[in-house]
Structure formats: structure tokens, C-alpha cells
Amino acid sequence: MMSRTQITLEGQAHRRARQRASELGVSLAEYMRRLVARDLAEPQAKGDVACIFDLGISGGSDVAKNKDAMIADAFQGSREKSGRRVGRSPR
């Protein structure tokens, strides 16, 4: 059920609110309803970032120390899978 209410705005605020409502393609009343609804909305529940830690076992790898070798291995493996010979340019 809707309840009717009356508000008083300063001239400039009223003009700007009407302009914004027009830009959105809604009435001034709908614009005001949306503002109130957004202000009164419940905050979104935030997930606990701790849940992403300790998801797996690294097997003793040290990415910070071995990243160059790991990237080279991955790159070489992808080239071998594509049928290209490593170290030769395509003709």
C-alpha cells in the first residue's frame, strides 16, 4: 500500500531533481521513491576473504622464486601441444 507524503525542496534542488528524473525517464515521485528505497536498502552481505586462503597445497613450489622457469615451462608446453616445433620459426 502506498502512502502519500509532501516534501518541500529549495528551488534549485527541485529543478535539479526534476531534471534528473527526466534524464532517467521517470516522474519526480518515482525518482524520490528510488532514492528513498536505495537509502533504506539493507547493506549487501560481504563474504569473508579468509575463505580463499589455504585452499590447496602448493607441493613446495615457490612461484615468487621460480616464476620465470614456470612461465617458460608453460609456454613450451603450449607450443608443443599446438604442433609447433620449439625453437623454429613458422614458414
PDB file of N, CA and C in Angstrom:
ATOM      1  N   MET A   1       0.838  -1.165   0.000  1.00  0.00           N
ATOM      2  CA  MET A   1       0.000   0.000   0.000  1.00  0.00           C
ATOM      3  C   MET A   1       0.894   1.242   0.000  1.00  0.00           C
ATOM      4  N   MET A   2       0.564   2.182  -0.820  1.00  0.00           N
ATOM      5  CA  MET A   2       1.312   3.427  -0.921  1.00  0.00           C
ATOM      6  C   MET A   2       0.729   4.450   0.040  1.00  0.00           C
ATOM      7  N   SER A   3       1.605   5.266   0.587  1.00  0.00           N
ATOM      8  CA  SER A   3       1.183   6.386   1.434  1.00  0.00           C
ATOM      9  C   SER A   3       1.616   7.666   0.749  1.00  0.00           C
ATOM     10  N   ARG A   4       0.778   8.640   0.812  1.00  0.00           N
ATOM     11  CA  ARG A   4       1.089   9.928   0.200  1.00  0.00           C
ATOM     12  C   ARG A   4       1.809  10.794   1.223  1.00  0.00           C
ATOM     13  N   THR A   5       2.827  11.516   0.752  1.00  0.00           N
ATOM     14  CA  THR A   5       3.545  12.435   1.627  1.00  0.00           C
ATOM     15  C   THR A   5       3.878  13.703   0.848  1.00  0.00           C
ATOM     16  N   GLN A   6       4.183  14.741   1.562  1.00  0.00           N
ATOM     17  CA  GLN A   6       4.510  16.016   0.933  1.00  0.00           C
ATOM     18  C   GLN A   6       5.862  16.467   1.457  1.00  0.00           C
ATOM     19  N   ILE A   7       6.725  16.934   0.540  1.00  0.00           N
ATOM     20  CA  ILE A   7       8.024  17.456   0.953  1.00  0.00           C
ATOM     21  C   ILE A   7       8.207  18.853   0.377  1.00  0.00           C
ATOM     22  N   THR A   8       9.096  19.592   0.974  1.00  0.00           N
ATOM     23  CA  THR A   8       9.418  20.933   0.495  1.00  0.00           C
ATOM     24  C   THR A   8      10.893  20.950   0.118  1.00  0.00           C
ATOM     25  N   LEU A   9      11.187  21.380  -1.095  1.00  0.00           N
ATOM     26  CA  LEU A   9      12.560  21.469  -1.580  1.00  0.00           C
ATOM     27  C   LEU A   9      12.887  22.911  -1.930  1.00  0.00           C
ATOM     28  N   GLU A  10      14.151  23.272  -1.821  1.00  0.00           N
ATOM     29  CA  GLU A  10      14.592  24.577  -2.296  1.00  0.00           C
ATOM     30  C   GLU A  10      14.459  24.583  -3.817  1.00  0.00           C
ATOM     31  N   GLY A  11      14.311  25.762  -4.395  1.00  0.00           N
ATOM     32  CA  GLY A  11      14.080  25.883  -5.835  1.00  0.00           C
ATOM     33  C   GLY A  11      15.103  25.172  -6.692  1.00  0.00           C
ATOM     34  N   GLN A  12      16.382  25.400  -6.395  1.00  0.00           N
ATOM     35  CA  GLN A  12      17.431  24.772  -7.209  1.00  0.00           C
ATOM     36  C   GLN A  12      17.411  23.255  -7.070  1.00  0.00           C
ATOM     37  N   ALA A  13      17.225  22.756  -5.859  1.00  0.00           N
ATOM     38  CA  ALA A  13      17.167  21.303  -5.641  1.00  0.00           C
ATOM     39  C   ALA A  13      15.975  20.703  -6.393  1.00  0.00           C
ATOM     40  N   HIS A  14      14.852  21.394  -6.376  1.00  0.00           N
ATOM     41  CA  HIS A  14      13.656  20.924  -7.075  1.00  0.00           C
ATOM     42  C   HIS A  14      13.895  20.858  -8.582  1.00  0.00           C
ATOM     43  N   ARG A  15      14.489  21.912  -9.138  1.00  0.00           N
ATOM     44  CA  ARG A  15      14.781  21.917 -10.579  1.00  0.00           C
ATOM     45  C   ARG A  15      15.746  20.796 -10.952  1.00  0.00           C
ATOM     46  N   ARG A  16      16.783  20.644 -10.136  1.00  0.00           N
ATOM     47  CA  ARG A  16      17.775  19.598 -10.442  1.00  0.00           C
ATOM     48  C   ARG A  16      17.179  18.198 -10.297  1.00  0.00           C
ATOM     49  N   ALA A  17      16.327  17.995  -9.322  1.00  0.00           N
ATOM     50  CA  ALA A  17      15.682  16.692  -9.139  1.00  0.00           C
ATOM     51  C   ALA A  17      14.756  16.388 -10.313  1.00  0.00           C
ATOM     52  N   ARG A  18      13.985  17.382 -10.751  1.00  0.00           N
ATOM     53  CA  ARG A  18      13.107  17.191 -11.921  1.00  0.00           C
ATOM     54  C   ARG A  18      13.934  16.868 -13.166  1.00  0.00           C
ATOM     55  N   GLN A  19      15.053  17.574 -13.331  1.00  0.00           N
ATOM     56  CA  GLN A  19      15.919  17.343 -14.483  1.00  0.00           C
ATOM     57  C   GLN A  19      16.477  15.917 -14.458  1.00  0.00           C
ATOM     58  N   ARG A  20      16.936  15.479 -13.286  1.00  0.00           N
ATOM     59  CA  ARG A  20      17.487  14.126 -13.165  1.00  0.00           C
ATOM     60  C   ARG A  20      16.412  13.080 -13.425  1.00  0.00           C
ATOM     61  N   ALA A  21      15.230  13.285 -12.909  1.00  0.00           N
ATOM     62  CA  ALA A  21      14.121  12.356 -13.149  1.00  0.00           C
ATOM     63  C   ALA A  21      13.821  12.287 -14.642  1.00  0.00           C
ATOM     64  N   SER A  22      13.839  13.428 -15.304  1.00  0.00           N
ATOM     65  CA  SER A  22      13.594  13.472 -16.740  1.00  0.00           C
ATOM     66  C   SER A  22      14.662  12.697 -17.500  1.00  0.00           C
ATOM     67  N   GLU A  23      15.920  12.870 -17.093  1.00  0.00           N
ATOM     68  CA  GLU A  23      17.022  12.129 -17.730  1.00  0.00           C
ATOM     69  C   GLU A  23      16.840  10.620 -17.578  1.00  0.00           C
ATOM     70  N   LEU A  24      16.306  10.215 -16.435  1.00  0.00           N
ATOM     71  CA  LEU A  24      16.065   8.789 -16.177  1.00  0.00           C
ATOM     72  C   LEU A  24      14.772   8.291 -16.805  1.00  0.00           C
ATOM     73  N   GLY A  25      13.960   9.225 -17.286  1.00  0.00           N
ATOM     74  CA  GLY A  25      12.695   8.840 -17.909  1.00  0.00           C
ATOM     75  C   GLY A  25      11.621   8.438 -16.921  1.00  0.00           C
ATOM     76  N   VAL A  26      11.672   9.008 -15.708  1.00  0.00           N
ATOM     77  CA  VAL A  26      10.677   8.687 -14.682  1.00  0.00           C
ATOM     78  C   VAL A  26      10.102   9.985 -14.124  1.00  0.00           C
ATOM     79  N   SER A  27       9.031   9.844 -13.391  1.00  0.00           N
ATOM     80  CA  SER A  27       8.425  11.014 -12.749  1.00  0.00           C
ATOM     81  C   SER A  27       9.276  11.430 -11.553  1.00  0.00           C
ATOM     82  N   LEU A  28       9.035  12.655 -11.097  1.00  0.00           N
ATOM     83  CA  LEU A  28       9.732  13.131  -9.902  1.00  0.00           C
ATOM     84  C   LEU A  28       9.397  12.232  -8.710  1.00  0.00           C
ATOM     85  N   ALA A  29       8.140  11.811  -8.599  1.00  0.00           N
ATOM     86  CA  ALA A  29       7.738  10.932  -7.495  1.00  0.00           C
ATOM     87  C   ALA A  29       8.489   9.608  -7.539  1.00  0.00           C
ATOM     88  N   GLU A  30       8.621   9.021  -8.731  1.00  0.00           N
ATOM     89  CA  GLU A  30       9.343   7.747  -8.861  1.00  0.00           C
ATOM     90  C   GLU A  30      10.818   7.934  -8.534  1.00  0.00           C
ATOM     91  N   TYR A  31      11.375   9.051  -8.969  1.00  0.00           N
ATOM     92  CA  TYR A  31      12.773   9.354  -8.658  1.00  0.00           C
ATOM     93  C   TYR A  31      12.971   9.419  -7.141  1.00  0.00           C
ATOM     94  N   MET A  32      12.072  10.098  -6.450  1.00  0.00           N
ATOM     95  CA  MET A  32      12.158  10.200  -4.994  1.00  0.00           C
ATOM     96  C   MET A  32      11.989   8.829  -4.331  1.00  0.00           C
ATOM     97  N   ARG A  33      11.048   8.021  -4.836  1.00  0.00           N
ATOM     98  CA  ARG A  33      10.850   6.673  -4.277  1.00  0.00           C
ATOM     99  C   ARG A  33      12.123   5.848  -4.403  1.00  0.00           C
ATOM    100  N   ARG A  34      12.777   5.945  -5.566  1.00  0.00           N
ATOM    101  CA  ARG A  34      14.020   5.195  -5.778  1.00  0.00           C
ATOM    102  C   ARG A  34      15.122   5.657  -4.830  1.00  0.00           C
ATOM    103  N   LEU A  35      15.224   6.975  -4.625  1.00  0.00           N
ATOM    104  CA  LEU A  35      16.235   7.492  -3.697  1.00  0.00           C
ATOM    105  C   LEU A  35      16.003   6.962  -2.286  1.00  0.00           C
ATOM    106  N   VAL A  36      14.752   6.991  -1.843  1.00  0.00           N
ATOM    107  CA  VAL A  36      14.431   6.510  -0.502  1.00  0.00           C
ATOM    108  C   VAL A  36      14.697   5.011  -0.402  1.00  0.00           C
ATOM    109  N   ALA A  37      14.284   4.257  -1.408  1.00  0.00           N
ATOM    110  CA  ALA A  37      14.494   2.804  -1.384  1.00  0.00           C
ATOM    111  C   ALA A  37      15.985   2.472  -1.322  1.00  0.00           C
ATOM    112  N   ARG A  38      16.790   3.187  -2.105  1.00  0.00           N
ATOM    113  CA  ARG A  38      18.237   2.930  -2.108  1.00  0.00           C
ATOM    114  C   ARG A  38      18.848   3.283  -0.751  1.00  0.00           C
ATOM    115  N   ASP A  39      18.406   4.381  -0.161  1.00  0.00           N
ATOM    116  CA  ASP A  39      18.944   4.796   1.131  1.00  0.00           C
ATOM    117  C   ASP A  39      18.565   3.819   2.244  1.00  0.00           C
ATOM    118  N   LEU A  40      17.387   3.241   2.154  1.00  0.00           N
ATOM    119  CA  LEU A  40      16.903   2.350   3.207  1.00  0.00           C
ATOM    120  C   LEU A  40      17.254   0.883   2.971  1.00  0.00           C
ATOM    121  N   ALA A  41      17.857   0.576   1.833  1.00  0.00           N
ATOM    122  CA  ALA A  41      18.176  -0.819   1.498  1.00  0.00           C
ATOM    123  C   ALA A  41      19.162  -1.405   2.500  1.00  0.00           C
ATOM    124  N   GLU A  42      19.013  -2.688   2.730  1.00  0.00           N
ATOM    125  CA  GLU A  42      19.931  -3.404   3.614  1.00  0.00           C
ATOM    126  C   GLU A  42      21.289  -3.507   2.920  1.00  0.00           C
ATOM    127  N   PRO A  43      22.363  -3.355   3.655  1.00  0.00           N
ATOM    128  CA  PRO A  43      23.681  -3.486   3.036  1.00  0.00           C
ATOM    129  C   PRO A  43      23.902  -4.916   2.548  1.00  0.00           C
ATOM    130  N   GLN A  44      24.608  -5.040   1.446  1.00  0.00           N
ATOM    131  CA  GLN A  44      24.910  -6.358   0.892  1.00  0.00           C
ATOM    132  C   GLN A  44      25.856  -7.094   1.838  1.00  0.00           C
ATOM    133  N   ALA A  45      25.593  -8.370   2.039  1.00  0.00           N
ATOM    134  CA  ALA A  45      26.466  -9.177   2.885  1.00  0.00           C
ATOM    135  C   ALA A  45      27.816  -9.335   2.194  1.00  0.00           C
ATOM    136  N   LYS A  46      28.864  -9.107   2.930  1.00  0.00           N
ATOM    137  CA  LYS A  46      30.213  -9.244   2.383  1.00  0.00           C
ATOM    138  C   LYS A  46      30.756 -10.600   2.788  1.00  0.00           C
ATOM    139  N   GLY A  47      31.394 -11.260   1.839  1.00  0.00           N
ATOM    140  CA  GLY A  47      31.989 -12.560   2.122  1.00  0.00           C
ATOM    141  C   GLY A  47      33.256 -12.413   2.947  1.00  0.00           C
ATOM    142  N   ASP A  48      33.611 -13.456   3.607  1.00  0.00           N
ATOM    143  CA  ASP A  48      34.828 -13.483   4.410  1.00  0.00           C
ATOM    144  C   ASP A  48      35.998 -13.824   3.509  1.00  0.00           C
ATOM    145  N   VAL A  49      36.947 -12.882   3.349  1.00  0.00           N
ATOM    146  CA  VAL A  49      38.081 -13.125   2.448  1.00  0.00           C
ATOM    147  C   VAL A  49      38.970 -14.249   2.946  1.00  0.00           C
ATOM    148  N   ALA A  50      38.892 -14.596   4.206  1.00  0.00           N
ATOM    149  CA  ALA A  50      39.711 -15.673   4.740  1.00  0.00           C
ATOM    150  C   ALA A  50      39.369 -17.012   4.096  1.00  0.00           C
ATOM    151  N   CYS A  51      38.183 -17.120   3.503  1.00  0.00           N
ATOM    152  CA  CYS A  51      37.779 -18.405   2.918  1.00  0.00           C
ATOM    153  C   CYS A  51      38.583 -18.754   1.666  1.00  0.00           C
ATOM    154  N   ILE A  52      39.332 -17.812   1.087  1.00  0.00           N
ATOM    155  CA  ILE A  52      40.125 -18.138  -0.105  1.00  0.00           C
ATOM    156  C   ILE A  52      41.544 -18.583   0.230  1.00  0.00           C
ATOM    157  N   PHE A  53      41.946 -18.486   1.472  1.00  0.00           N
ATOM    158  CA  PHE A  53      43.279 -18.905   1.875  1.00  0.00           C
ATOM    159  C   PHE A  53      43.292 -20.379   2.241  1.00  0.00           C
ATOM    160  N   ASP A  54      44.419 -20.996   2.051  1.00  0.00           N
ATOM    161  CA  ASP A  54      44.634 -22.410   2.383  1.00  0.00           C
ATOM    162  C   ASP A  54      43.670 -23.332   1.646  1.00  0.00           C
ATOM    163  N   LEU A  55      43.415 -23.039   0.376  1.00  0.00           N
ATOM    164  CA  LEU A  55      42.511 -23.881  -0.409  1.00  0.00           C
ATOM    165  C   LEU A  55      43.210 -25.109  -0.980  1.00  0.00           C
ATOM    166  N   GLY A  56      44.485 -25.056  -1.114  1.00  0.00           N
ATOM    167  CA  GLY A  56      45.201 -26.184  -1.707  1.00  0.00           C
ATOM    168  C   GLY A  56      46.606 -26.297  -1.162  1.00  0.00           C
ATOM    169  N   ILE A  57      47.318 -27.259  -1.694  1.00  0.00           N
ATOM    170  CA  ILE A  57      48.694 -27.499  -1.279  1.00  0.00           C
ATOM    171  C   ILE A  57      49.592 -27.182  -2.467  1.00  0.00           C
ATOM    172  N   SER A  58      50.590 -26.377  -2.244  1.00  0.00           N
ATOM    173  CA  SER A  58      51.464 -25.947  -3.330  1.00  0.00           C
ATOM    174  C   SER A  58      52.474 -27.013  -3.719  1.00  0.00           C
ATOM    175  N   GLY A  59      52.639 -28.020  -2.884  1.00  0.00           N
ATOM    176  CA  GLY A  59      53.620 -29.058  -3.194  1.00  0.00           C
ATOM    177  C   GLY A  59      55.044 -28.540  -3.061  1.00  0.00           C
ATOM    178  N   GLY A  60      55.201 -27.477  -2.316  1.00  0.00           N
ATOM    179  CA  GLY A  60      56.534 -26.939  -2.092  1.00  0.00           C
ATOM    180  C   GLY A  60      57.010 -25.984  -3.164  1.00  0.00           C
ATOM    181  N   SER A  61      56.141 -25.655  -4.131  1.00  0.00           N
ATOM    182  CA  SER A  61      56.574 -24.733  -5.181  1.00  0.00           C
ATOM    183  C   SER A  61      56.685 -23.325  -4.619  1.00  0.00           C
ATOM    184  N   ASP A  62      57.575 -22.559  -5.202  1.00  0.00           N
ATOM    185  CA  ASP A  62      57.778 -21.176  -4.783  1.00  0.00           C
ATOM    186  C   ASP A  62      57.653 -20.309  -6.025  1.00  0.00           C
ATOM    187  N   VAL A  63      56.441 -19.809  -6.291  1.00  0.00           N
ATOM    188  CA  VAL A  63      56.180 -19.050  -7.503  1.00  0.00           C
ATOM    189  C   VAL A  63      57.044 -17.796  -7.553  1.00  0.00           C
ATOM    190  N   ALA A  64      57.199 -17.116  -6.433  1.00  0.00           N
ATOM    191  CA  ALA A  64      57.997 -15.890  -6.427  1.00  0.00           C
ATOM    192  C   ALA A  64      59.436 -16.170  -6.850  1.00  0.00           C
ATOM    193  N   LYS A  65      59.962 -17.294  -6.455  1.00  0.00           N
ATOM    194  CA  LYS A  65      61.355 -17.640  -6.751  1.00  0.00           C
ATOM    195  C   LYS A  65      61.503 -18.261  -8.137  1.00  0.00           C
ATOM    196  N   ASN A  66      60.520 -19.063  -8.555  1.00  0.00           N
ATOM    197  CA  ASN A  66      60.659 -19.856  -9.780  1.00  0.00           C
ATOM    198  C   ASN A  66      59.732 -19.424 -10.903  1.00  0.00           C
ATOM    199  N   LYS A  67      59.204 -18.215 -10.842  1.00  0.00           N
ATOM    200  CA  LYS A  67      58.185 -17.818 -11.825  1.00  0.00           C
ATOM    201  C   LYS A  67      58.699 -17.840 -13.254  1.00  0.00           C
ATOM    202  N   ASP A  68      59.935 -17.419 -13.495  1.00  0.00           N
ATOM    203  CA  ASP A  68      60.453 -17.391 -14.866  1.00  0.00           C
ATOM    204  C   ASP A  68      60.505 -18.797 -15.463  1.00  0.00           C
ATOM    205  N   ALA A  69      60.997 -19.758 -14.690  1.00  0.00           N
ATOM    206  CA  ALA A  69      61.058 -21.138 -15.167  1.00  0.00           C
ATOM    207  C   ALA A  69      59.665 -21.718 -15.354  1.00  0.00           C
ATOM    208  N   MET A  70      58.738 -21.384 -14.453  1.00  0.00           N
ATOM    209  CA  MET A  70      57.371 -21.896 -14.566  1.00  0.00           C
ATOM    210  C   MET A  70      56.679 -21.346 -15.808  1.00  0.00           C
ATOM    211  N   ILE A  71      56.885 -20.063 -16.096  1.00  0.00           N
ATOM    212  CA  ILE A  71      56.299 -19.462 -17.299  1.00  0.00           C
ATOM    213  C   ILE A  71      56.897 -20.081 -18.546  1.00  0.00           C
ATOM    214  N   ALA A  72      58.220 -20.293 -18.548  1.00  0.00           N
ATOM    215  CA  ALA A  72      58.880 -20.914 -19.706  1.00  0.00           C
ATOM    216  C   ALA A  72      58.364 -22.328 -19.933  1.00  0.00           C
ATOM    217  N   ASP A  73      58.194 -23.098 -18.870  1.00  0.00           N
ATOM    218  CA  ASP A  73      57.653 -24.461 -18.992  1.00  0.00           C
ATOM    219  C   ASP A  73      56.240 -24.444 -19.556  1.00  0.00           C
ATOM    220  N   ALA A  74      55.396 -23.532 -19.051  1.00  0.00           N
ATOM    221  CA  ALA A  74      54.019 -23.443 -19.534  1.00  0.00           C
ATOM    222  C   ALA A  74      53.986 -23.020 -20.994  1.00  0.00           C
ATOM    223  N   PHE A  75      54.832 -22.074 -21.363  1.00  0.00           N
ATOM    224  CA  PHE A  75      54.881 -21.596 -22.746  1.00  0.00           C
ATOM    225  C   PHE A  75      55.349 -22.709 -23.677  1.00  0.00           C
ATOM    226  N   GLN A  76      56.381 -23.424 -23.283  1.00  0.00           N
ATOM    227  CA  GLN A  76      56.901 -24.516 -24.111  1.00  0.00           C
ATOM    228  C   GLN A  76      55.861 -25.629 -24.238  1.00  0.00           C
ATOM    229  N   GLY A  77      55.164 -25.935 -23.161  1.00  0.00           N
ATOM    230  CA  GLY A  77      54.138 -26.972 -23.214  1.00  0.00           C
ATOM    231  C   GLY A  77      53.001 -26.604 -24.143  1.00  0.00           C
ATOM    232  N   SER A  78      52.610 -25.334 -24.150  1.00  0.00           N
ATOM    233  CA  SER A  78      51.522 -24.915 -25.031  1.00  0.00           C
ATOM    234  C   SER A  78      51.953 -24.935 -26.487  1.00  0.00           C
ATOM    235  N   ARG A  79      53.196 -24.647 -26.759  1.00  0.00           N
ATOM    236  CA  ARG A  79      53.697 -24.695 -28.146  1.00  0.00           C
ATOM    237  C   ARG A  79      53.777 -26.133 -28.636  1.00  0.00           C
ATOM    238  N   GLU A  80      54.183 -27.056 -27.757  1.00  0.00           N
ATOM    239  CA  GLU A  80      54.266 -28.466 -28.149  1.00  0.00           C
ATOM    240  C   GLU A  80      52.875 -29.036 -28.422  1.00  0.00           C
ATOM    241  N   LYS A  81      51.879 -28.617 -27.652  1.00  0.00           N
ATOM    242  CA  LYS A  81      50.516 -29.099 -27.856  1.00  0.00           C
ATOM    243  C   LYS A  81      49.928 -28.590 -29.161  1.00  0.00           C
ATOM    244  N   SER A  82      50.369 -27.406 -29.604  1.00  0.00           N
ATOM    245  CA  SER A  82      49.809 -26.844 -30.828  1.00  0.00           C
ATOM    246  C   SER A  82      50.459 -27.440 -32.079  1.00  0.00           C
ATOM    247  N   GLY A  83      51.448 -28.316 -31.899  1.00  0.00           N
ATOM    248  CA  GLY A  83      52.078 -28.963 -33.043  1.00  0.00           C
ATOM    249  C   GLY A  83      53.263 -28.199 -33.595  1.00  0.00           C
ATOM    250  N   ARG A  84      53.608 -27.110 -33.019  1.00  0.00           N
ATOM    251  CA  ARG A  84      54.766 -26.357 -33.465  1.00  0.00           C
ATOM    252  C   ARG A  84      56.026 -26.932 -32.849  1.00  0.00           C
ATOM    253  N   ARG A  85      57.081 -26.797 -33.566  1.00  0.00           N
ATOM    254  CA  ARG A  85      58.359 -27.219 -33.008  1.00  0.00           C
ATOM    255  C   ARG A  85      58.959 -26.038 -32.272  1.00  0.00           C
ATOM    256  N   VAL A  86      59.450 -26.302 -31.095  1.00  0.00           N
ATOM    257  CA  VAL A  86      60.029 -25.249 -30.287  1.00  0.00           C
ATOM    258  C   VAL A  86      61.382 -24.876 -30.850  1.00  0.00           C
ATOM    259  N   GLY A  87      61.658 -23.575 -30.961  1.00  0.00           N
ATOM    260  CA  GLY A  87      62.950 -23.098 -31.430  1.00  0.00           C
ATOM    261  C   GLY A  87      62.995 -22.835 -32.920  1.00  0.00           C
ATOM    262  N   ARG A  88      61.938 -23.142 -33.658  1.00  0.00           N
ATOM    263  CA  ARG A  88      61.921 -22.894 -35.092  1.00  0.00           C
ATOM    264  C   ARG A  88      60.811 -21.909 -35.410  1.00  0.00           C
ATOM    265  N   SER A  89      61.086 -21.017 -36.322  1.00  0.00           N
ATOM    266  CA  SER A  89      60.065 -20.070 -36.729  1.00  0.00           C
ATOM    267  C   SER A  89      59.175 -20.688 -37.783  1.00  0.00           C
ATOM    268  N   PRO A  90      57.899 -20.371 -37.797  1.00  0.00           N
ATOM    269  CA  PRO A  90      56.987 -20.919 -38.805  1.00  0.00           C
ATOM    270  C   PRO A  90      57.307 -20.355 -40.187  1.00  0.00           C
ATOM    271  N   ARG A  91      57.121 -21.191 -41.210  1.00  0.00           N
ATOM    272  CA  ARG A  91      57.424 -20.759 -42.580  1.00  0.00           C
ATOM    273  C   ARG A  91      56.190 -20.465 -43.345  1.00  0.00           C
TER     274      ARG A  91
END
